[in-house]
Every structure is written in structure tokens, then in C-alpha cells.
Amino acid sequence: MLIYTPPSTAKSIPVIDLSDSFSDNLEKRKSVAWEIHKACRTTGFFYIKNHGIASEVLQKQLDIAKQFFDLPIENKLEIDFKNSKCLRGYEPMAAQTLDEGSPPDLKEGFMSGKNLDSSHPYVQKGYPQHGQNQWPEDLPEMKTQTETYIQQVLKLGKHLAGLLALSLGLEENYFEVGYDEAVIITRMLHYPPQSEEIINNQLGCGAHTDWGLLTLLLQDEVGGLEVRNSEGEWIRAPHIPDTFIVNLGDLVQFMTNGLYLSNMHRVFNSKAGVSRYSVPSFFDLDYEYKIKRLQNLSDEFKAEPKEMTVGEYLAYMYQKTYAAKKEAV
């Protein structure tokens, strides 16, 4: 359990303007990539602006999230994620505990992704995160809006992966072979307001790291995200209009031998009487894409495997975490 301590307000998360990353000039793209490089070595988090997704698309996604969570609980439970082999659909309040040893997270969610029917090879192979979505009958516009949003965030995720490669001194197309079957999972989350007093270390979202490649977070004006930097200090990540907050997952930390950071983050919604809504999207490469640990960066992971597929890596992380839990019992 990571006991809650108030975050520092003395430091901030960088805001990176992506405008030049869309330039035909490679040096301009490398300049943006260098800003990403610096952020990845300090907090592992950064805001992006001028990212190419229209403001109205972002706002509509937050609006549709609020409309969905305002539905009666019985309507939401009709598409319970437990009815889905790939865990798509509604996640009831307090269904997840991200900080082991703490009470369940005070949030409810909805998960969706690329819609793949049963004939898709990866569905037939039983790969996690691959399958069909569930949608509420009472809110038909949610499907159209969210599918549009997913496609635009998927495109942005591929663009960021190219910048990530440049930031490491690699060719910009280093990850492209993993783009065709790239995974994009979008969650809509609702956090009810909490008391300013933390009871039993229960938060909206407990302290954790993400496992995959990149997370692109859209949050509303309520804010509430808190990030732990490389010095172990918790800092706030307030809402900035028309931006995403991007963070690295454990896979990048593994791939870079610890040079780039996958840092702890959490959510505490202390704004009295106001709910928080956010939409994190998790971008990962093809499950069969081989991740290779880059050489001459750091020795932090030298005792671990040098190469594995994305799917094997995620399974490895699950086994590693599960084993640690068993040992702690």
C-alpha cells in the first residue's frame, strides 16, 4: 500500500507543442522529439497541444461519457464487462483495485476498442484486448462518437510512436511494422467527489504504473491526476484545455533499460460536489511485434529477457505481478 501524502505544487509537467512534429522538415520533427526525450527521463509524463484532434471531438467525448454514466445502473449493467471475453463494456463502481493493499478505487468505467469479429486471427488465438465492443441501447450516439474518437486517437498514437523512436535516436519508422494490428483501448471513467480526508488510503484511482507503450489521457476541468516524478515527489497534473496528458508504460521503461521512466500516478477527486470525467486511451503495438531491449542505455533490466513480443511482455508482467502478490500473502 502506498499511503497518501499530499503532492508538491513546486514543479510541473512539460507542455509540448506538436505543431512542428507534422512538418516535412526532419530537423523540426527531431526538435519536438528532443522535448519528449527530456520529459521521458524526468516524469515520464508530458502534455501535448496542437496534436491534430479538434477541440469539439474532445469535448463531445467527455460529454458522451457524462451522459453514459448518468444512465440508471440497471441500464449500464446490461452491458457489464464481465459478459465480454475481452472485458469490453461497463465497469461498476469500485470494481478495480490498482494499489494493492488499499480499498477498491472510487470510480466506474466503460471500456471499448477496435471492434474485431470472431473471424479475426487474433480473436481466434484468444489474445486479450481483442474482440467486440458492447454499446448501450439507450444511448445510440455513444457508439458513433466513440468509434470516431478511437480512430483519431489511434492515428495520434502512431504519430507519437514515431516521435518516441526519434527521441531515442532511432529511425522514425522503427515501430511501424507493429502498426497494422496496433491495439487501442479507450476507457471512459467517472470519479465521484471525495472528502478532503483520505479514509483507509482509498482514492479515485490508486497509485500504479501502466504496463504498455503509451497512454493518452483526456481529462475534464476538475483535474485530480497526480504524478510521481523521478525524485519521488508527487506533483499535480491540472487540466489544460485542448491537450492530452501522455505517459509511458512499463514496456517503454523495459525497452530502454530504465532510461525512460514509467512513473506512478493516481487520481484524487477532492473537488466538493463535483464529479470528474476522464478518457484514457492505451496505445500498444501489434501483440506479435517483437520488443527488443535497446543497448547502451542503462543496465537496470540486464537480468531480464532481451526480446519478447508485446503479448508475451504483457503476459510476463501479469505473471511477475501475480507471483509478487502470492509471495506477499
Protein backbone atom coordinates (compact mmCIF):
# COMPACT_ATOMS: atom_id res chain seq x y z
CA MET A 1 0.00 0.00 0.00
CA LEU A 2 1.30 3.47 -0.90
CA ILE A 3 -0.04 5.75 1.85
CA TYR A 4 -1.45 9.01 0.52
CA THR A 5 0.74 12.08 1.06
CA PRO A 6 -0.14 15.49 -0.42
CA PRO A 7 1.50 16.34 -3.75
CA SER A 8 4.02 19.11 -4.27
CA THR A 9 2.98 22.20 -6.26
CA ALA A 10 6.53 23.44 -6.83
CA LYS A 11 7.17 21.52 -10.06
CA SER A 12 5.23 21.00 -13.26
CA ILE A 13 4.79 18.64 -16.18
CA PRO A 14 6.08 20.00 -19.53
CA VAL A 15 3.68 21.06 -22.27
CA ILE A 16 4.99 20.03 -25.69
CA ASP A 17 3.71 21.72 -28.84
CA LEU A 18 3.39 19.09 -31.57
CA SER A 19 2.97 21.60 -34.42
CA ASP A 20 6.47 21.05 -35.82
CA SER A 21 6.16 17.28 -35.48
CA PHE A 22 3.85 17.35 -38.52
CA SER A 23 6.41 19.28 -40.57
CA ASP A 24 8.11 17.83 -43.67
CA ASN A 25 11.38 19.07 -42.14
CA LEU A 26 13.06 16.21 -40.26
CA GLU A 27 15.07 18.58 -38.07
CA LYS A 28 11.87 20.21 -36.84
CA ARG A 29 10.44 16.79 -36.00
CA LYS A 30 13.65 15.89 -34.18
CA SER A 31 13.40 19.11 -32.18
CA VAL A 32 9.98 18.06 -30.87
CA ALA A 33 11.32 14.56 -30.22
CA TRP A 34 14.10 16.05 -28.07
CA GLU A 35 11.49 17.72 -25.85
CA ILE A 36 9.84 14.32 -25.49
CA HIS A 37 13.22 12.79 -24.66
CA LYS A 38 13.73 15.22 -21.77
CA ALA A 39 10.23 14.62 -20.40
CA CYS A 40 10.61 10.84 -20.60
CA ARG A 41 13.70 10.98 -18.38
CA THR A 42 12.17 13.13 -15.64
CA THR A 43 8.47 12.44 -15.11
CA GLY A 44 7.60 10.05 -17.94
CA PHE A 45 4.61 12.39 -18.41
CA PHE A 46 4.02 15.35 -20.71
CA TYR A 47 1.12 17.36 -22.11
CA ILE A 48 0.70 17.67 -25.86
CA LYS A 49 -1.02 20.56 -27.63
CA ASN A 50 -1.68 21.19 -31.33
CA HIS A 51 -1.97 17.43 -31.72
CA GLY A 52 -4.41 17.43 -34.63
CA ILE A 53 -7.64 16.32 -32.92
CA ALA A 54 -10.31 19.03 -32.93
CA SER A 55 -11.50 20.55 -29.67
CA GLU A 56 -15.11 19.65 -30.40
CA VAL A 57 -14.21 15.96 -30.76
CA LEU A 58 -12.57 16.03 -27.32
CA GLN A 59 -15.49 17.81 -25.71
CA LYS A 60 -18.06 15.50 -27.32
CA GLN A 61 -16.22 12.51 -25.88
CA LEU A 62 -16.33 13.94 -22.37
CA ASP A 63 -20.00 14.86 -22.86
CA ILE A 64 -20.91 11.35 -24.01
CA ALA A 65 -19.08 9.91 -21.01
CA LYS A 66 -21.20 12.01 -18.65
CA GLN A 67 -24.40 11.01 -20.47
CA PHE A 68 -23.48 7.33 -20.21
CA PHE A 69 -22.65 7.40 -16.51
CA ASP A 70 -25.88 9.32 -15.83
CA LEU A 71 -27.87 6.32 -17.10
CA PRO A 72 -29.65 4.18 -14.45
CA ILE A 73 -27.41 1.48 -13.03
CA GLU A 74 -29.64 -1.29 -14.37
CA ASN A 75 -29.17 0.03 -17.92
CA LYS A 76 -25.41 0.12 -17.53
CA LEU A 77 -25.30 -3.38 -16.08
CA GLU A 78 -26.94 -4.71 -19.25
CA ILE A 79 -23.50 -4.31 -20.86
CA ASP A 80 -21.42 -5.40 -17.86
CA PHE A 81 -17.79 -6.04 -18.87
CA LYS A 82 -17.98 -9.46 -17.21
CA ASN A 83 -20.21 -10.56 -20.11
CA SER A 84 -17.37 -9.88 -22.58
CA LYS A 85 -14.43 -12.20 -23.26
CA CYS A 86 -12.24 -9.15 -23.91
CA LEU A 87 -13.63 -7.15 -20.96
CA ARG A 88 -15.40 -4.54 -23.09
CA GLY A 89 -18.35 -2.70 -21.59
CA TYR A 90 -19.37 -1.23 -18.25
CA GLU A 91 -17.15 -1.49 -15.17
CA PRO A 92 -19.19 -0.92 -11.98
CA MET A 93 -18.08 1.38 -9.20
CA ALA A 94 -15.19 0.01 -7.11
CA ALA A 95 -14.61 -2.93 -9.48
CA GLN A 96 -10.84 -2.38 -9.62
CA THR A 97 -8.03 -2.04 -7.06
CA LEU A 98 -4.85 -0.63 -8.61
CA ASP A 99 -2.87 -0.07 -5.41
CA GLU A 100 -2.54 -3.47 -3.74
CA GLY A 101 -3.50 -3.34 -0.07
CA SER A 102 -5.74 -0.29 -0.47
CA PRO A 103 -9.56 -0.35 -0.73
CA PRO A 104 -11.13 -0.55 -4.23
CA ASP A 105 -10.85 2.53 -6.46
CA LEU A 106 -13.73 5.02 -6.28
CA LYS A 107 -14.58 5.06 -9.97
CA GLU A 108 -16.78 3.42 -12.58
CA GLY A 109 -15.79 2.92 -16.18
CA PHE A 110 -16.58 1.84 -19.70
CA MET A 111 -14.09 0.09 -21.99
CA SER A 112 -14.04 -0.12 -25.78
CA GLY A 113 -11.51 -0.60 -28.58
CA LYS A 114 -11.14 -1.71 -32.19
CA ASN A 115 -14.15 -3.89 -32.98
CA LEU A 116 -12.93 -7.30 -34.19
CA ASP A 117 -15.32 -10.12 -35.05
CA SER A 118 -14.78 -13.78 -34.24
CA SER A 119 -13.11 -14.46 -37.61
CA HIS A 120 -10.12 -12.24 -36.82
CA PRO A 121 -6.97 -14.38 -36.29
CA TYR A 122 -6.08 -12.69 -33.01
CA VAL A 123 -9.57 -13.25 -31.63
CA GLN A 124 -9.32 -16.91 -32.62
CA LYS A 125 -5.96 -17.11 -30.86
CA GLY A 126 -7.59 -15.76 -27.73
CA TYR A 127 -5.38 -12.70 -27.38
CA PRO A 128 -6.54 -10.40 -24.57
CA GLN A 129 -7.90 -6.98 -25.56
CA HIS A 130 -9.07 -8.29 -28.95
CA GLY A 131 -12.78 -8.68 -29.63
CA GLN A 132 -16.11 -6.90 -29.93
CA ASN A 133 -17.50 -3.89 -28.12
CA GLN A 134 -20.75 -3.64 -26.19
CA TRP A 135 -22.84 -0.47 -26.53
CA PRO A 136 -25.84 0.85 -24.54
CA GLU A 137 -29.16 0.69 -26.39
CA ASP A 138 -30.33 3.83 -24.58
CA LEU A 139 -27.51 5.99 -25.96
CA PRO A 140 -27.02 5.08 -29.65
CA GLU A 141 -24.87 8.14 -30.40
CA MET A 142 -22.23 6.83 -27.99
CA LYS A 143 -21.10 4.17 -30.49
CA THR A 144 -20.62 6.61 -33.39
CA GLN A 145 -18.88 9.25 -31.29
CA THR A 146 -16.57 6.82 -29.50
CA GLU A 147 -15.59 4.92 -32.66
CA THR A 148 -14.66 8.26 -34.29
CA TYR A 149 -12.65 9.20 -31.23
CA ILE A 150 -10.83 5.83 -31.13
CA GLN A 151 -9.77 6.12 -34.77
CA GLN A 152 -8.37 9.62 -34.27
CA VAL A 153 -6.51 8.68 -31.08
CA LEU A 154 -5.14 5.56 -32.81
CA LYS A 155 -3.71 7.77 -35.58
CA LEU A 156 -2.21 10.10 -32.98
CA GLY A 157 -0.74 7.15 -31.08
CA LYS A 158 1.12 6.02 -34.20
CA HIS A 159 2.41 9.55 -34.72
CA LEU A 160 3.67 9.69 -31.13
CA ALA A 161 5.34 6.30 -31.51
CA GLY A 162 7.33 7.75 -34.41
CA LEU A 163 8.40 10.68 -32.24
CA LEU A 164 9.29 8.28 -29.44
CA ALA A 165 11.58 6.44 -31.85
CA LEU A 166 13.22 9.70 -32.93
CA SER A 167 13.66 10.70 -29.29
CA LEU A 168 15.76 7.56 -28.77
CA GLY A 169 17.94 8.21 -31.81
CA LEU A 170 16.15 5.52 -33.85
CA GLU A 171 14.67 5.74 -37.31
CA GLU A 172 11.26 7.39 -37.26
CA ASN A 173 9.65 4.26 -38.74
CA TYR A 174 11.24 1.94 -36.14
CA PHE A 175 7.86 0.82 -34.73
CA GLU A 176 5.86 0.89 -37.99
CA VAL A 177 5.88 -2.88 -38.52
CA GLY A 178 3.72 -3.04 -35.37
CA TYR A 179 1.11 -0.52 -36.54
CA ASP A 180 -1.23 -2.66 -38.68
CA GLU A 181 -2.67 -4.56 -35.71
CA ALA A 182 -1.87 -1.92 -33.11
CA VAL A 183 -4.12 -2.09 -30.06
CA ILE A 184 -6.09 0.93 -28.87
CA ILE A 185 -8.21 0.57 -25.74
CA THR A 186 -10.25 3.59 -24.66
CA ARG A 187 -11.80 3.81 -21.21
CA MET A 188 -14.30 6.39 -20.08
CA LEU A 189 -14.14 6.96 -16.33
CA HIS A 190 -16.35 8.64 -13.76
CA TYR A 191 -14.95 9.64 -10.36
CA PRO A 192 -17.43 10.86 -7.74
CA PRO A 193 -16.18 13.62 -5.42
CA GLN A 194 -14.25 12.57 -2.32
CA SER A 195 -13.82 14.09 1.09
CA GLU A 196 -10.60 16.02 1.64
CA GLU A 197 -9.85 13.45 4.32
CA ILE A 198 -8.42 10.24 2.86
CA ILE A 199 -10.00 7.26 4.60
CA ASN A 200 -8.02 3.99 4.61
CA ASN A 201 -5.97 5.30 1.65
CA GLN A 202 -8.95 4.93 -0.70
CA LEU A 203 -8.56 7.08 -3.81
CA GLY A 204 -10.43 7.53 -7.06
CA CYS A 205 -7.58 5.62 -8.66
CA GLY A 206 -4.80 4.08 -6.59
CA ALA A 207 -1.10 4.61 -7.30
CA HIS A 208 0.05 2.47 -10.24
CA THR A 209 2.03 2.40 -13.47
CA ASP A 210 0.66 1.47 -16.89
CA TRP A 211 2.01 -1.69 -18.50
CA GLY A 212 2.03 -0.95 -22.21
CA LEU A 213 3.57 1.59 -24.60
CA LEU A 214 1.72 4.94 -24.42
CA THR A 215 -1.31 6.31 -22.61
CA LEU A 216 -3.13 9.38 -23.92
CA LEU A 217 -5.34 10.92 -21.25
CA LEU A 218 -8.17 13.36 -21.86
CA GLN A 219 -9.39 14.87 -18.58
CA ASP A 220 -12.04 17.45 -17.79
CA GLU A 221 -11.63 20.72 -15.91
CA VAL A 222 -11.97 19.04 -12.50
CA GLY A 223 -8.44 17.60 -12.76
CA GLY A 224 -7.34 15.30 -9.95
CA LEU A 225 -4.45 13.46 -11.63
CA GLU A 226 -1.27 13.31 -9.55
CA VAL A 227 2.10 12.08 -10.84
CA ARG A 228 5.25 10.94 -9.06
CA ASN A 229 8.41 12.34 -10.64
CA SER A 230 11.92 10.87 -10.81
CA GLU A 231 12.74 12.35 -7.39
CA GLY A 232 9.83 10.54 -5.77
CA GLU A 233 7.75 13.70 -5.33
CA TRP A 234 4.03 13.80 -6.15
CA ILE A 235 3.04 16.67 -8.43
CA ARG A 236 -0.34 17.75 -9.75
CA ALA A 237 -1.30 17.45 -13.41
CA PRO A 238 -4.07 20.06 -13.77
CA HIS A 239 -6.49 20.31 -16.66
CA ILE A 240 -5.17 22.29 -19.64
CA PRO A 241 -7.83 22.84 -22.36
CA ASP A 242 -7.38 21.02 -25.68
CA THR A 243 -4.45 18.93 -24.50
CA PHE A 244 -3.76 15.28 -23.81
CA ILE A 245 -1.53 14.11 -20.99
CA VAL A 246 0.77 11.41 -22.35
CA ASN A 247 2.60 8.92 -20.18
CA LEU A 248 4.88 5.98 -20.83
CA GLY A 249 4.04 2.43 -19.84
CA ASP A 250 6.34 -0.18 -18.31
CA LEU A 251 7.06 -1.61 -21.76
CA VAL A 252 8.99 1.56 -22.71
CA GLN A 253 10.94 1.52 -19.45
CA PHE A 254 11.83 -2.12 -20.14
CA MET A 255 12.75 -1.45 -23.77
CA THR A 256 15.02 1.49 -22.83
CA ASN A 257 16.66 -0.37 -19.93
CA GLY A 258 15.29 2.18 -17.48
CA LEU A 259 16.47 5.31 -19.30
CA TYR A 260 12.86 6.36 -19.88
CA LEU A 261 10.50 6.29 -16.91
CA SER A 262 7.13 4.65 -16.38
CA ASN A 263 6.09 6.55 -13.28
CA MET A 264 3.43 6.07 -10.64
CA HIS A 265 0.27 8.10 -10.94
CA ARG A 266 -3.07 8.28 -9.10
CA VAL A 267 -6.35 10.21 -9.00
CA PHE A 268 -7.81 12.07 -6.03
CA ASN A 269 -11.02 13.99 -6.76
CA SER A 270 -11.31 16.34 -3.79
CA LYS A 271 -13.50 18.93 -5.54
CA ALA A 272 -16.59 19.14 -3.33
CA GLY A 273 -19.83 18.11 -5.00
CA VAL A 274 -18.33 17.76 -8.50
CA SER A 275 -17.72 14.55 -10.43
CA ARG A 276 -14.59 14.06 -12.53
CA TYR A 277 -14.69 12.54 -16.02
CA SER A 278 -11.68 11.35 -17.98
CA VAL A 279 -10.92 9.28 -21.07
CA PRO A 280 -7.58 7.44 -21.05
CA SER A 281 -6.60 5.60 -24.25
CA PHE A 282 -3.93 2.90 -24.16
CA PHE A 283 -1.89 2.54 -27.35
CA ASP A 284 0.10 -0.66 -27.86
CA LEU A 285 1.81 -2.22 -30.84
CA ASP A 286 0.74 -5.47 -32.51
CA TYR A 287 0.67 -8.32 -29.96
CA GLU A 288 3.10 -10.26 -32.19
CA TYR A 289 5.51 -7.32 -32.59
CA LYS A 290 8.92 -8.16 -31.09
CA ILE A 291 10.12 -5.70 -28.49
CA LYS A 292 13.91 -5.59 -28.26
CA ARG A 293 15.75 -4.02 -25.37
CA LEU A 294 17.91 -1.22 -26.71
CA GLN A 295 21.60 -1.45 -25.96
CA ASN A 296 23.97 1.02 -24.27
CA LEU A 297 21.27 2.96 -22.44
CA SER A 298 21.19 1.57 -18.90
CA ASP A 299 21.72 -1.74 -17.11
CA GLU A 300 18.59 -1.71 -14.95
CA PHE A 301 16.93 -4.61 -16.79
CA LYS A 302 20.00 -6.54 -17.89
CA ALA A 303 18.96 -9.66 -15.95
CA GLU A 304 15.60 -9.83 -17.73
CA PRO A 305 14.81 -11.12 -21.26
CA LYS A 306 16.30 -9.13 -24.13
CA GLU A 307 13.48 -9.74 -26.59
CA MET A 308 9.83 -10.77 -26.50
CA THR A 309 6.59 -9.98 -28.28
CA VAL A 310 4.25 -7.32 -26.94
CA GLY A 311 1.79 -10.06 -25.98
CA GLU A 312 4.50 -12.07 -24.23
CA TYR A 313 5.65 -8.95 -22.40
CA LEU A 314 2.17 -8.19 -21.08
CA ALA A 315 1.78 -11.83 -20.02
CA TYR A 316 5.24 -11.62 -18.40
CA MET A 317 4.20 -8.52 -16.44
CA TYR A 318 1.00 -10.23 -15.32
CA GLN A 319 2.91 -13.31 -14.16
CA LYS A 320 5.54 -11.17 -12.44
CA THR A 321 2.90 -9.15 -10.61
CA TYR A 322 0.82 -12.20 -9.74
CA ALA A 323 3.89 -14.02 -8.37
CA ALA A 324 4.77 -10.99 -6.26
CA LYS A 325 1.25 -10.97 -4.84
CA LYS A 326 1.47 -14.66 -3.94
CA GLU A 327 4.79 -14.14 -2.19
CA ALA A 328 3.34 -11.26 -0.20
CA VAL A 329 0.44 -13.36 1.13
